[in-house]
Amino acid sequence: MITVLGIGNVLWADEGFGVRCVEALQQRWAFDETQGAPVQLVDGGTQGLYLIQHVQAARKLLIFDAIDYGLEPGTLKLIENDEVPRFMGAKKMSLHQTGFQEVLMLAQLTEQYPDEVLLIGCQPQELEDYGGSLRPIVKTAMEDALALGLDRLRQWGARPLPRDAAPGDDEAVTVPTLALGAYEQGRPAAEQACRVGDERFIPLR
């Protein structure tokens, strides 16, 4: 089984990069499992340890995530195999990465770890924008990340085929109300909604 996992929080702008990659992959591509390896797409969100079953079941694991490398926004970096859990531990950006590092380490401890792991990470531009979406430079980088991901999936034996139409809401990997289009269209104007967190707990300046 090949598992493609997008992790992150879509409510905090570029933090949603990984989830948006998996969403776009499903909308544009189907996988022919009669002539290729089976592929499972997972919106991992910020589920942390609840993702352990997906990691343990995978023989090949492709991860999309926003990672703070200290590089220019939109820069992609590929990390592979044993370096993935170590890298995520050293470069924590948010609580979801702490939880996912634990998932990887637990899978290693139980000796149910994928044979191959590839992390495709993107340097975010903006995280402190509650309710925001991907910044244009990160959205552009997502296209390159998808191309890199598809190349690796083919190397692993998957057979991606372009879709004629996106899957229905009942098949969508992402909750329809949080899908990129609906999410961006439904965002209220800045004067109607706080952009930096819960305004009830923000000190007055």
N, C-alpha and C. Protein backbone atom coordinates (compact mmCIF):
# COMPACT_ATOMS: atom_id res chain seq x y z
N MET A 1 0.83 -1.19 0.00
CA MET A 1 0.00 0.00 0.00
C MET A 1 0.87 1.25 0.00
N ILE A 2 0.57 2.18 -0.89
CA ILE A 2 1.18 3.51 -0.89
C ILE A 2 0.21 4.46 -0.21
N THR A 3 0.68 5.18 0.78
CA THR A 3 -0.15 6.18 1.46
C THR A 3 0.40 7.56 1.19
N VAL A 4 -0.49 8.47 0.78
CA VAL A 4 -0.14 9.87 0.58
C VAL A 4 -0.84 10.65 1.67
N LEU A 5 -0.06 11.33 2.49
CA LEU A 5 -0.57 11.96 3.70
C LEU A 5 -0.29 13.46 3.67
N GLY A 6 -1.34 14.25 3.79
CA GLY A 6 -1.18 15.69 3.91
C GLY A 6 -1.48 16.10 5.33
N ILE A 7 -0.54 16.78 5.99
CA ILE A 7 -0.77 17.19 7.36
C ILE A 7 -0.64 18.71 7.47
N GLY A 8 -1.33 19.26 8.48
CA GLY A 8 -1.31 20.70 8.70
C GLY A 8 -2.70 21.21 9.04
N ASN A 9 -2.77 22.49 9.32
CA ASN A 9 -4.01 23.13 9.74
C ASN A 9 -4.42 24.16 8.70
N VAL A 10 -5.49 23.87 7.96
CA VAL A 10 -5.92 24.76 6.88
C VAL A 10 -6.42 26.11 7.39
N LEU A 11 -6.70 26.23 8.69
CA LEU A 11 -7.22 27.48 9.24
C LEU A 11 -6.14 28.54 9.43
N TRP A 12 -4.88 28.16 9.32
CA TRP A 12 -3.79 29.10 9.54
C TRP A 12 -2.95 29.26 8.27
N ALA A 13 -3.57 29.78 7.23
CA ALA A 13 -2.88 30.17 6.00
C ALA A 13 -1.98 29.06 5.46
N ASP A 14 -0.67 29.32 5.36
CA ASP A 14 0.24 28.37 4.71
C ASP A 14 0.44 27.08 5.49
N GLU A 15 -0.03 27.04 6.73
CA GLU A 15 0.02 25.79 7.51
C GLU A 15 -0.79 24.69 6.83
N GLY A 16 -1.72 25.08 5.97
CA GLY A 16 -2.57 24.11 5.30
C GLY A 16 -1.97 23.51 4.04
N PHE A 17 -0.72 23.81 3.74
CA PHE A 17 -0.09 23.35 2.50
C PHE A 17 -0.25 21.85 2.26
N GLY A 18 0.06 21.05 3.26
CA GLY A 18 0.02 19.60 3.07
C GLY A 18 -1.35 19.07 2.74
N VAL A 19 -2.35 19.57 3.46
CA VAL A 19 -3.73 19.14 3.22
C VAL A 19 -4.18 19.58 1.83
N ARG A 20 -3.82 20.79 1.43
CA ARG A 20 -4.21 21.28 0.11
C ARG A 20 -3.57 20.47 -1.01
N CYS A 21 -2.36 19.97 -0.78
CA CYS A 21 -1.73 19.12 -1.79
C CYS A 21 -2.50 17.82 -2.00
N VAL A 22 -2.88 17.17 -0.92
CA VAL A 22 -3.64 15.92 -1.04
C VAL A 22 -5.01 16.17 -1.66
N GLU A 23 -5.63 17.27 -1.28
CA GLU A 23 -6.93 17.63 -1.86
C GLU A 23 -6.81 17.81 -3.37
N ALA A 24 -5.80 18.57 -3.81
CA ALA A 24 -5.61 18.81 -5.24
C ALA A 24 -5.28 17.53 -5.98
N LEU A 25 -4.47 16.69 -5.36
CA LEU A 25 -4.10 15.41 -5.98
C LEU A 25 -5.35 14.58 -6.26
N GLN A 26 -6.26 14.53 -5.28
CA GLN A 26 -7.47 13.73 -5.48
C GLN A 26 -8.40 14.35 -6.53
N GLN A 27 -8.47 15.67 -6.56
CA GLN A 27 -9.36 16.33 -7.51
C GLN A 27 -8.90 16.14 -8.96
N ARG A 28 -7.59 16.01 -9.14
CA ARG A 28 -7.06 15.98 -10.51
C ARG A 28 -6.67 14.59 -11.01
N TRP A 29 -6.42 13.66 -10.06
CA TRP A 29 -5.87 12.38 -10.47
C TRP A 29 -6.62 11.23 -9.80
N ALA A 30 -6.79 10.17 -10.58
CA ALA A 30 -7.26 8.89 -10.04
C ALA A 30 -6.11 7.90 -10.18
N PHE A 31 -6.22 6.75 -9.52
CA PHE A 31 -5.13 5.77 -9.56
C PHE A 31 -5.67 4.43 -10.03
N ASP A 32 -5.09 3.95 -11.10
CA ASP A 32 -5.49 2.67 -11.68
C ASP A 32 -4.84 1.55 -10.86
N GLU A 33 -5.64 0.91 -10.02
CA GLU A 33 -5.09 -0.14 -9.15
C GLU A 33 -5.14 -1.51 -9.80
N THR A 34 -5.70 -1.60 -11.03
CA THR A 34 -5.65 -2.87 -11.74
C THR A 34 -4.28 -3.09 -12.38
N GLN A 35 -3.60 -1.98 -12.71
CA GLN A 35 -2.28 -2.07 -13.33
C GLN A 35 -1.18 -1.39 -12.51
N GLY A 36 -1.55 -0.85 -11.39
CA GLY A 36 -0.57 -0.18 -10.54
C GLY A 36 -0.80 -0.48 -9.07
N ALA A 37 0.11 -0.02 -8.25
CA ALA A 37 0.00 -0.25 -6.80
C ALA A 37 -1.17 0.54 -6.22
N PRO A 38 -1.84 -0.01 -5.20
CA PRO A 38 -2.94 0.72 -4.57
C PRO A 38 -2.42 1.96 -3.84
N VAL A 39 -3.19 3.05 -3.92
CA VAL A 39 -2.81 4.33 -3.32
C VAL A 39 -3.94 4.82 -2.43
N GLN A 40 -3.60 5.18 -1.21
CA GLN A 40 -4.56 5.74 -0.26
C GLN A 40 -4.20 7.20 0.00
N LEU A 41 -5.17 8.10 -0.17
CA LEU A 41 -4.97 9.52 0.10
C LEU A 41 -5.60 9.85 1.44
N VAL A 42 -4.85 10.54 2.31
CA VAL A 42 -5.32 10.82 3.66
C VAL A 42 -5.14 12.30 3.97
N ASP A 43 -6.24 12.96 4.36
CA ASP A 43 -6.18 14.30 4.93
C ASP A 43 -5.89 14.12 6.42
N GLY A 44 -4.61 14.26 6.77
CA GLY A 44 -4.21 14.01 8.15
C GLY A 44 -4.47 15.18 9.09
N GLY A 45 -4.69 16.37 8.54
CA GLY A 45 -4.98 17.53 9.36
C GLY A 45 -3.99 17.67 10.50
N THR A 46 -4.51 17.75 11.71
CA THR A 46 -3.67 17.85 12.92
C THR A 46 -3.97 16.67 13.85
N GLN A 47 -4.23 15.50 13.28
CA GLN A 47 -4.70 14.37 14.06
C GLN A 47 -3.62 13.70 14.93
N GLY A 48 -2.37 13.98 14.67
CA GLY A 48 -1.32 13.46 15.53
C GLY A 48 -1.31 11.94 15.60
N LEU A 49 -1.37 11.40 16.81
CA LEU A 49 -1.24 9.96 17.03
C LEU A 49 -2.34 9.14 16.37
N TYR A 50 -3.46 9.77 16.04
CA TYR A 50 -4.53 9.04 15.36
C TYR A 50 -4.12 8.60 13.95
N LEU A 51 -3.00 9.11 13.47
CA LEU A 51 -2.53 8.73 12.14
C LEU A 51 -1.65 7.48 12.15
N ILE A 52 -1.42 6.92 13.32
CA ILE A 52 -0.50 5.79 13.42
C ILE A 52 -0.92 4.62 12.55
N GLN A 53 -2.21 4.35 12.46
CA GLN A 53 -2.65 3.20 11.67
C GLN A 53 -2.31 3.37 10.20
N HIS A 54 -2.37 4.60 9.71
CA HIS A 54 -2.05 4.84 8.29
C HIS A 54 -0.56 4.65 8.02
N VAL A 55 0.26 5.09 8.95
CA VAL A 55 1.70 4.94 8.78
C VAL A 55 2.09 3.47 8.88
N GLN A 56 1.53 2.75 9.84
CA GLN A 56 1.87 1.34 10.02
C GLN A 56 1.43 0.48 8.85
N ALA A 57 0.34 0.87 8.18
CA ALA A 57 -0.18 0.07 7.07
C ALA A 57 0.55 0.36 5.75
N ALA A 58 1.30 1.44 5.70
CA ALA A 58 1.94 1.86 4.45
C ALA A 58 3.27 1.15 4.23
N ARG A 59 3.50 0.71 3.02
CA ARG A 59 4.83 0.23 2.64
C ARG A 59 5.65 1.38 2.05
N LYS A 60 4.97 2.31 1.39
CA LYS A 60 5.58 3.53 0.89
C LYS A 60 4.73 4.69 1.41
N LEU A 61 5.40 5.73 1.93
CA LEU A 61 4.68 6.85 2.54
C LEU A 61 5.19 8.17 1.96
N LEU A 62 4.27 8.91 1.36
CA LEU A 62 4.56 10.24 0.82
C LEU A 62 3.85 11.27 1.69
N ILE A 63 4.61 12.22 2.23
CA ILE A 63 4.06 13.23 3.14
C ILE A 63 4.22 14.61 2.52
N PHE A 64 3.14 15.38 2.54
CA PHE A 64 3.19 16.79 2.18
C PHE A 64 2.98 17.61 3.46
N ASP A 65 3.82 18.63 3.66
CA ASP A 65 3.68 19.43 4.88
C ASP A 65 4.35 20.78 4.67
N ALA A 66 3.90 21.77 5.45
CA ALA A 66 4.61 23.05 5.52
C ALA A 66 5.67 22.93 6.60
N ILE A 67 6.90 23.23 6.23
CA ILE A 67 8.03 23.09 7.16
C ILE A 67 8.84 24.39 7.14
N ASP A 68 9.18 24.89 8.34
CA ASP A 68 10.00 26.09 8.42
C ASP A 68 11.47 25.71 8.32
N TYR A 69 12.02 25.86 7.12
CA TYR A 69 13.43 25.56 6.88
C TYR A 69 14.31 26.79 7.08
N GLY A 70 13.68 27.96 7.25
CA GLY A 70 14.44 29.20 7.29
C GLY A 70 14.89 29.64 5.91
N LEU A 71 14.17 29.20 4.87
CA LEU A 71 14.51 29.52 3.49
C LEU A 71 13.52 30.55 2.94
N GLU A 72 13.66 30.87 1.67
CA GLU A 72 12.73 31.79 1.03
C GLU A 72 11.34 31.15 0.96
N PRO A 73 10.28 31.93 1.20
CA PRO A 73 8.92 31.38 1.11
C PRO A 73 8.68 30.69 -0.22
N GLY A 74 8.02 29.54 -0.15
CA GLY A 74 7.72 28.78 -1.36
C GLY A 74 8.79 27.78 -1.74
N THR A 75 9.93 27.80 -1.06
CA THR A 75 11.01 26.85 -1.36
C THR A 75 10.62 25.44 -0.93
N LEU A 76 10.81 24.50 -1.82
CA LEU A 76 10.52 23.09 -1.51
C LEU A 76 11.79 22.37 -1.08
N LYS A 77 11.62 21.43 -0.18
CA LYS A 77 12.75 20.61 0.27
C LYS A 77 12.27 19.18 0.42
N LEU A 78 13.06 18.24 -0.06
CA LEU A 78 12.71 16.82 0.00
C LEU A 78 13.60 16.13 1.04
N ILE A 79 12.95 15.44 1.97
CA ILE A 79 13.64 14.69 3.01
C ILE A 79 13.19 13.24 2.89
N GLU A 80 14.12 12.31 3.03
CA GLU A 80 13.77 10.91 2.78
C GLU A 80 14.14 9.98 3.94
N ASN A 81 13.33 8.94 4.06
CA ASN A 81 13.59 7.77 4.91
C ASN A 81 13.95 8.12 6.35
N ASP A 82 15.08 7.68 6.85
CA ASP A 82 15.40 7.85 8.27
C ASP A 82 15.56 9.31 8.68
N GLU A 83 15.79 10.18 7.71
CA GLU A 83 15.96 11.59 8.04
C GLU A 83 14.63 12.27 8.37
N VAL A 84 13.50 11.68 7.96
CA VAL A 84 12.21 12.35 8.12
C VAL A 84 11.85 12.57 9.59
N PRO A 85 11.80 11.53 10.44
CA PRO A 85 11.44 11.80 11.84
C PRO A 85 12.44 12.69 12.55
N ARG A 86 13.74 12.54 12.23
CA ARG A 86 14.75 13.40 12.87
C ARG A 86 14.57 14.84 12.44
N PHE A 87 14.27 15.05 11.17
CA PHE A 87 14.11 16.41 10.67
C PHE A 87 12.88 17.08 11.27
N MET A 88 11.78 16.36 11.34
CA MET A 88 10.56 16.94 11.89
C MET A 88 10.73 17.25 13.37
N GLY A 89 11.57 16.49 14.05
CA GLY A 89 11.83 16.78 15.45
C GLY A 89 12.69 18.01 15.65
N ALA A 90 13.61 18.23 14.71
CA ALA A 90 14.53 19.36 14.85
C ALA A 90 13.93 20.66 14.35
N LYS A 91 12.92 20.59 13.50
CA LYS A 91 12.37 21.78 12.86
C LYS A 91 10.89 21.94 13.16
N LYS A 92 10.52 21.80 14.43
CA LYS A 92 9.10 21.92 14.79
C LYS A 92 8.59 23.31 14.46
N MET A 93 7.44 23.35 13.81
CA MET A 93 6.81 24.62 13.49
C MET A 93 5.51 24.79 14.26
N SER A 94 4.88 23.67 14.59
CA SER A 94 3.60 23.73 15.28
C SER A 94 3.38 22.42 16.02
N LEU A 95 2.31 22.37 16.81
CA LEU A 95 2.04 21.17 17.60
C LEU A 95 1.79 19.95 16.74
N HIS A 96 1.23 20.13 15.54
CA HIS A 96 0.93 18.95 14.72
C HIS A 96 2.20 18.23 14.33
N GLN A 97 3.32 18.97 14.16
CA GLN A 97 4.56 18.31 13.79
C GLN A 97 5.14 17.52 14.96
N THR A 98 4.98 18.06 16.18
CA THR A 98 5.40 17.31 17.35
C THR A 98 4.66 15.98 17.41
N GLY A 99 3.33 16.02 17.20
CA GLY A 99 2.52 14.81 17.24
C GLY A 99 2.89 13.84 16.14
N PHE A 100 3.19 14.35 14.95
CA PHE A 100 3.49 13.44 13.86
C PHE A 100 4.88 12.84 13.99
N GLN A 101 5.80 13.56 14.58
CA GLN A 101 7.10 12.96 14.87
C GLN A 101 6.93 11.76 15.79
N GLU A 102 6.05 11.87 16.77
CA GLU A 102 5.77 10.76 17.67
C GLU A 102 5.15 9.58 16.92
N VAL A 103 4.30 9.87 15.95
CA VAL A 103 3.71 8.80 15.13
C VAL A 103 4.80 8.01 14.42
N LEU A 104 5.72 8.72 13.79
CA LEU A 104 6.79 8.05 13.07
C LEU A 104 7.66 7.21 14.00
N MET A 105 7.97 7.78 15.16
CA MET A 105 8.82 7.04 16.11
C MET A 105 8.10 5.81 16.68
N LEU A 106 6.78 5.94 16.90
CA LEU A 106 6.02 4.80 17.39
C LEU A 106 5.96 3.70 16.33
N ALA A 107 5.80 4.08 15.07
CA ALA A 107 5.80 3.08 14.00
C ALA A 107 7.14 2.36 13.93
N GLN A 108 8.23 3.10 14.14
CA GLN A 108 9.55 2.45 14.16
C GLN A 108 9.66 1.50 15.34
N LEU A 109 9.16 1.93 16.50
CA LEU A 109 9.24 1.12 17.71
C LEU A 109 8.47 -0.18 17.56
N THR A 110 7.33 -0.14 16.88
CA THR A 110 6.49 -1.33 16.69
C THR A 110 6.94 -2.17 15.49
N GLU A 111 8.02 -1.71 14.83
CA GLU A 111 8.56 -2.39 13.66
C GLU A 111 7.51 -2.52 12.56
N GLN A 112 6.67 -1.51 12.45
CA GLN A 112 5.70 -1.42 11.36
C GLN A 112 5.89 -0.07 10.68
N TYR A 113 7.07 0.08 10.12
CA TYR A 113 7.47 1.35 9.50
C TYR A 113 7.58 1.15 8.00
N PRO A 114 7.17 2.15 7.21
CA PRO A 114 7.25 1.99 5.75
C PRO A 114 8.66 1.69 5.26
N ASP A 115 8.73 0.98 4.15
CA ASP A 115 10.03 0.69 3.54
C ASP A 115 10.68 1.96 3.00
N GLU A 116 9.85 2.88 2.50
CA GLU A 116 10.35 4.14 1.97
C GLU A 116 9.44 5.27 2.41
N VAL A 117 10.04 6.41 2.76
CA VAL A 117 9.29 7.60 3.18
C VAL A 117 9.88 8.81 2.46
N LEU A 118 9.01 9.64 1.91
CA LEU A 118 9.43 10.90 1.31
C LEU A 118 8.58 12.03 1.88
N LEU A 119 9.24 13.03 2.44
CA LEU A 119 8.58 14.25 2.90
C LEU A 119 8.85 15.35 1.89
N ILE A 120 7.79 15.91 1.32
CA ILE A 120 7.91 17.08 0.46
C ILE A 120 7.41 18.27 1.27
N GLY A 121 8.33 19.10 1.72
CA GLY A 121 7.98 20.23 2.58
C GLY A 121 8.12 21.54 1.86
N CYS A 122 7.31 22.50 2.27
CA CYS A 122 7.33 23.82 1.66
C CYS A 122 7.55 24.88 2.75
N GLN A 123 8.45 25.81 2.47
CA GLN A 123 8.66 26.93 3.39
C GLN A 123 7.44 27.86 3.33
N PRO A 124 6.76 28.07 4.47
CA PRO A 124 5.59 28.96 4.46
C PRO A 124 6.00 30.42 4.40
N GLN A 125 5.06 31.25 3.94
CA GLN A 125 5.26 32.69 3.98
C GLN A 125 4.51 33.31 5.15
N GLU A 126 3.27 32.83 5.38
CA GLU A 126 2.41 33.43 6.40
C GLU A 126 1.70 32.36 7.20
N LEU A 127 1.80 32.45 8.52
CA LEU A 127 1.11 31.52 9.40
C LEU A 127 0.13 32.24 10.33
N GLU A 128 0.40 33.50 10.64
CA GLU A 128 -0.42 34.24 11.61
C GLU A 128 -1.58 34.92 10.92
N ASP A 129 -2.40 34.13 10.25
CA ASP A 129 -3.57 34.67 9.54
C ASP A 129 -4.70 33.68 9.72
N TYR A 130 -5.42 33.80 10.82
CA TYR A 130 -6.49 32.86 11.14
C TYR A 130 -7.62 32.98 10.13
N GLY A 131 -7.97 31.87 9.51
CA GLY A 131 -8.98 31.87 8.46
C GLY A 131 -8.44 32.18 7.09
N GLY A 132 -7.12 32.39 7.01
CA GLY A 132 -6.50 32.70 5.73
C GLY A 132 -6.22 31.46 4.90
N SER A 133 -5.87 31.70 3.66
CA SER A 133 -5.57 30.60 2.74
C SER A 133 -4.10 30.65 2.35
N LEU A 134 -3.70 29.74 1.47
CA LEU A 134 -2.32 29.73 1.00
C LEU A 134 -1.98 31.04 0.32
N ARG A 135 -0.80 31.55 0.62
CA ARG A 135 -0.32 32.72 -0.08
C ARG A 135 0.04 32.34 -1.51
N PRO A 136 -0.03 33.29 -2.46
CA PRO A 136 0.21 32.95 -3.87
C PRO A 136 1.51 32.21 -4.12
N ILE A 137 2.59 32.60 -3.45
CA ILE A 137 3.87 31.94 -3.70
C ILE A 137 3.86 30.49 -3.23
N VAL A 138 3.12 30.20 -2.16
CA VAL A 138 3.01 28.84 -1.66
C VAL A 138 2.04 28.04 -2.53
N LYS A 139 1.00 28.69 -3.01
CA LYS A 139 0.07 28.02 -3.92
C LYS A 139 0.78 27.62 -5.23
N THR A 140 1.66 28.48 -5.70
CA THR A 140 2.46 28.14 -6.89
C THR A 140 3.40 26.98 -6.60
N ALA A 141 4.03 27.00 -5.43
CA ALA A 141 4.93 25.91 -5.05
C ALA A 141 4.19 24.58 -4.94
N MET A 142 2.91 24.64 -4.61
CA MET A 142 2.12 23.42 -4.51
C MET A 142 2.10 22.67 -5.84
N GLU A 143 2.08 23.39 -6.95
CA GLU A 143 2.07 22.74 -8.26
C GLU A 143 3.36 21.95 -8.48
N ASP A 144 4.49 22.55 -8.10
CA ASP A 144 5.76 21.83 -8.22
C ASP A 144 5.81 20.64 -7.27
N ALA A 145 5.26 20.82 -6.08
CA ALA A 145 5.24 19.72 -5.10
C ALA A 145 4.42 18.55 -5.63
N LEU A 146 3.30 18.84 -6.25
CA LEU A 146 2.46 17.78 -6.82
C LEU A 146 3.20 17.03 -7.93
N ALA A 147 3.91 17.78 -8.77
CA ALA A 147 4.67 17.14 -9.85
C ALA A 147 5.75 16.22 -9.28
N LEU A 148 6.44 16.68 -8.25
CA LEU A 148 7.46 15.84 -7.60
C LEU A 148 6.82 14.60 -6.97
N GLY A 149 5.67 14.80 -6.32
CA GLY A 149 4.97 13.69 -5.70
C GLY A 149 4.51 12.66 -6.71
N LEU A 150 3.98 13.12 -7.83
CA LEU A 150 3.52 12.19 -8.86
C LEU A 150 4.69 11.40 -9.45
N ASP A 151 5.81 12.07 -9.63
CA ASP A 151 6.99 11.35 -10.14
C ASP A 151 7.38 10.21 -9.19
N ARG A 152 7.38 10.51 -7.89
CA ARG A 152 7.77 9.48 -6.93
C ARG A 152 6.72 8.36 -6.88
N LEU A 153 5.46 8.71 -6.96
CA LEU A 153 4.41 7.69 -6.94
C LEU A 153 4.57 6.74 -8.13
N ARG A 154 4.91 7.28 -9.28
CA ARG A 154 5.15 6.43 -10.45
C ARG A 154 6.35 5.51 -10.22
N GLN A 155 7.41 6.06 -9.62
CA GLN A 155 8.58 5.23 -9.32
C GLN A 155 8.22 4.09 -8.36
N TRP A 156 7.28 4.36 -7.47
CA TRP A 156 6.86 3.35 -6.49
C TRP A 156 5.85 2.35 -7.07
N GLY A 157 5.46 2.53 -8.31
CA GLY A 157 4.58 1.56 -8.95
C GLY A 157 3.14 1.97 -9.08
N ALA A 158 2.81 3.20 -8.69
CA ALA A 158 1.44 3.68 -8.87
C ALA A 158 1.21 4.09 -10.32
N ARG A 159 -0.06 4.10 -10.71
CA ARG A 159 -0.39 4.51 -12.08
C ARG A 159 -1.45 5.62 -12.02
N PRO A 160 -1.01 6.88 -11.86
CA PRO A 160 -1.97 7.99 -11.82
C PRO A 160 -2.52 8.30 -13.20
N LEU A 161 -3.83 8.57 -13.25
CA LEU A 161 -4.51 8.92 -14.49
C LEU A 161 -5.28 10.22 -14.28
N PRO A 162 -5.19 11.16 -15.23
CA PRO A 162 -5.92 12.42 -15.07
C PRO A 162 -7.43 12.16 -14.99
N ARG A 163 -8.08 12.85 -14.09
CA ARG A 163 -9.53 12.74 -13.94
C ARG A 163 -10.25 13.61 -14.97
N ASP A 164 -11.39 13.14 -15.45
CA ASP A 164 -12.25 13.96 -16.29
C ASP A 164 -13.04 14.95 -15.44
N ALA A 165 -13.34 14.56 -14.19
CA ALA A 165 -14.09 15.42 -13.27
C ALA A 165 -13.66 15.09 -11.85
N ALA A 166 -13.75 16.09 -10.99
CA ALA A 166 -13.39 15.89 -9.58
C ALA A 166 -14.37 14.92 -8.93
N PRO A 167 -13.95 14.19 -7.90
CA PRO A 167 -14.86 13.27 -7.21
C PRO A 167 -15.97 14.03 -6.50
N GLY A 168 -17.08 13.35 -6.24
CA GLY A 168 -18.19 13.97 -5.53
C GLY A 168 -17.86 14.23 -4.07
N ASP A 169 -18.71 15.02 -3.42
CA ASP A 169 -18.47 15.38 -2.03
C ASP A 169 -18.36 14.16 -1.12
N ASP A 170 -19.12 13.09 -1.44
CA ASP A 170 -19.11 11.91 -0.59
C ASP A 170 -17.80 11.14 -0.70
N GLU A 171 -17.01 11.40 -1.75
CA GLU A 171 -15.72 10.74 -1.92
C GLU A 171 -14.55 11.63 -1.55
N ALA A 172 -14.80 12.91 -1.36
CA ALA A 172 -13.71 13.87 -1.18
C ALA A 172 -12.90 13.58 0.07
N VAL A 173 -11.59 13.70 -0.06
CA VAL A 173 -10.69 13.45 1.06
C VAL A 173 -10.79 14.57 2.10
N THR A 174 -11.19 15.77 1.65
CA THR A 174 -11.35 16.93 2.54
C THR A 174 -12.83 17.21 2.75
N VAL A 175 -13.20 17.62 3.95
CA VAL A 175 -14.58 18.02 4.23
C VAL A 175 -14.98 19.10 3.23
N PRO A 176 -16.11 18.95 2.50
CA PRO A 176 -16.46 19.89 1.43
C PRO A 176 -16.47 21.35 1.85
N THR A 177 -16.92 21.65 3.08
CA THR A 177 -16.97 23.05 3.50
C THR A 177 -15.58 23.64 3.72
N LEU A 178 -14.56 22.77 3.87
CA LEU A 178 -13.19 23.24 4.04
C LEU A 178 -12.36 23.10 2.77
N ALA A 179 -12.96 22.60 1.70
CA ALA A 179 -12.25 22.51 0.42
C ALA A 179 -11.81 23.91 0.00
N LEU A 180 -10.72 23.99 -0.73
CA LEU A 180 -10.07 25.26 -0.99
C LEU A 180 -11.02 26.32 -1.55
N GLY A 181 -11.79 25.97 -2.58
CA GLY A 181 -12.68 26.95 -3.19
C GLY A 181 -13.72 27.48 -2.23
N ALA A 182 -14.41 26.58 -1.55
CA ALA A 182 -15.44 26.99 -0.60
C ALA A 182 -14.85 27.77 0.57
N TYR A 183 -13.69 27.35 1.00
CA TYR A 183 -13.03 27.99 2.14
C TYR A 183 -12.66 29.43 1.81
N GLU A 184 -12.10 29.65 0.63
CA GLU A 184 -11.69 31.00 0.24
C GLU A 184 -12.89 31.90 -0.03
N GLN A 185 -13.92 31.35 -0.64
CA GLN A 185 -15.11 32.16 -0.94
C GLN A 185 -15.89 32.54 0.32
N GLY A 186 -15.82 31.68 1.34
CA GLY A 186 -16.62 31.92 2.53
C GLY A 186 -15.96 32.77 3.58
N ARG A 187 -14.74 33.23 3.32
CA ARG A 187 -14.02 34.01 4.33
C ARG A 187 -14.61 35.42 4.45
N PRO A 188 -14.96 35.85 5.67
CA PRO A 188 -15.47 37.21 5.84
C PRO A 188 -14.37 38.25 5.69
N ALA A 189 -14.77 39.48 5.47
CA ALA A 189 -13.81 40.57 5.33
C ALA A 189 -13.07 40.80 6.65
N ALA A 190 -11.91 41.44 6.57
CA ALA A 190 -11.06 41.64 7.75
C ALA A 190 -11.78 42.40 8.86
N GLU A 191 -12.62 43.37 8.49
CA GLU A 191 -13.32 44.14 9.51
C GLU A 191 -14.42 43.35 10.21
N GLN A 192 -14.76 42.20 9.68
CA GLN A 192 -15.81 41.36 10.27
C GLN A 192 -15.25 40.21 11.10
N ALA A 193 -13.98 39.89 10.93
CA ALA A 193 -13.44 38.71 11.62
C ALA A 193 -11.98 38.95 11.98
N CYS A 194 -11.61 38.47 13.15
CA CYS A 194 -10.22 38.58 13.61
C CYS A 194 -9.32 37.72 12.73
N ARG A 195 -8.15 38.24 12.40
CA ARG A 195 -7.22 37.54 11.52
C ARG A 195 -6.09 36.85 12.26
N VAL A 196 -5.93 37.12 13.56
CA VAL A 196 -4.74 36.63 14.25
C VAL A 196 -5.05 35.71 15.42
N GLY A 197 -6.26 35.21 15.53
CA GLY A 197 -6.61 34.30 16.62
C GLY A 197 -7.96 34.63 17.19
N ASP A 198 -8.23 34.19 18.39
CA ASP A 198 -9.49 34.44 19.08
C ASP A 198 -9.42 35.80 19.75
N GLU A 199 -10.15 36.77 19.22
CA GLU A 199 -10.04 38.15 19.70
C GLU A 199 -10.45 38.31 21.16
N ARG A 200 -11.15 37.31 21.73
CA ARG A 200 -11.52 37.39 23.14
C ARG A 200 -10.31 37.31 24.06
N PHE A 201 -9.21 36.76 23.54
CA PHE A 201 -8.03 36.52 24.38
C PHE A 201 -6.83 37.33 23.91
N ILE A 202 -7.04 38.31 23.05
CA ILE A 202 -5.94 39.14 22.56
C ILE A 202 -5.88 40.42 23.38
N PRO A 203 -4.75 40.72 24.01
CA PRO A 203 -4.66 41.93 24.84
C PRO A 203 -4.89 43.19 24.01
N LEU A 204 -5.56 44.15 24.59
CA LEU A 204 -5.76 45.44 23.94
C LEU A 204 -4.45 46.18 23.87
N ARG A 205 -4.22 46.89 22.77
CA ARG A 205 -2.97 47.64 22.61
C ARG A 205 -3.24 49.14 22.80
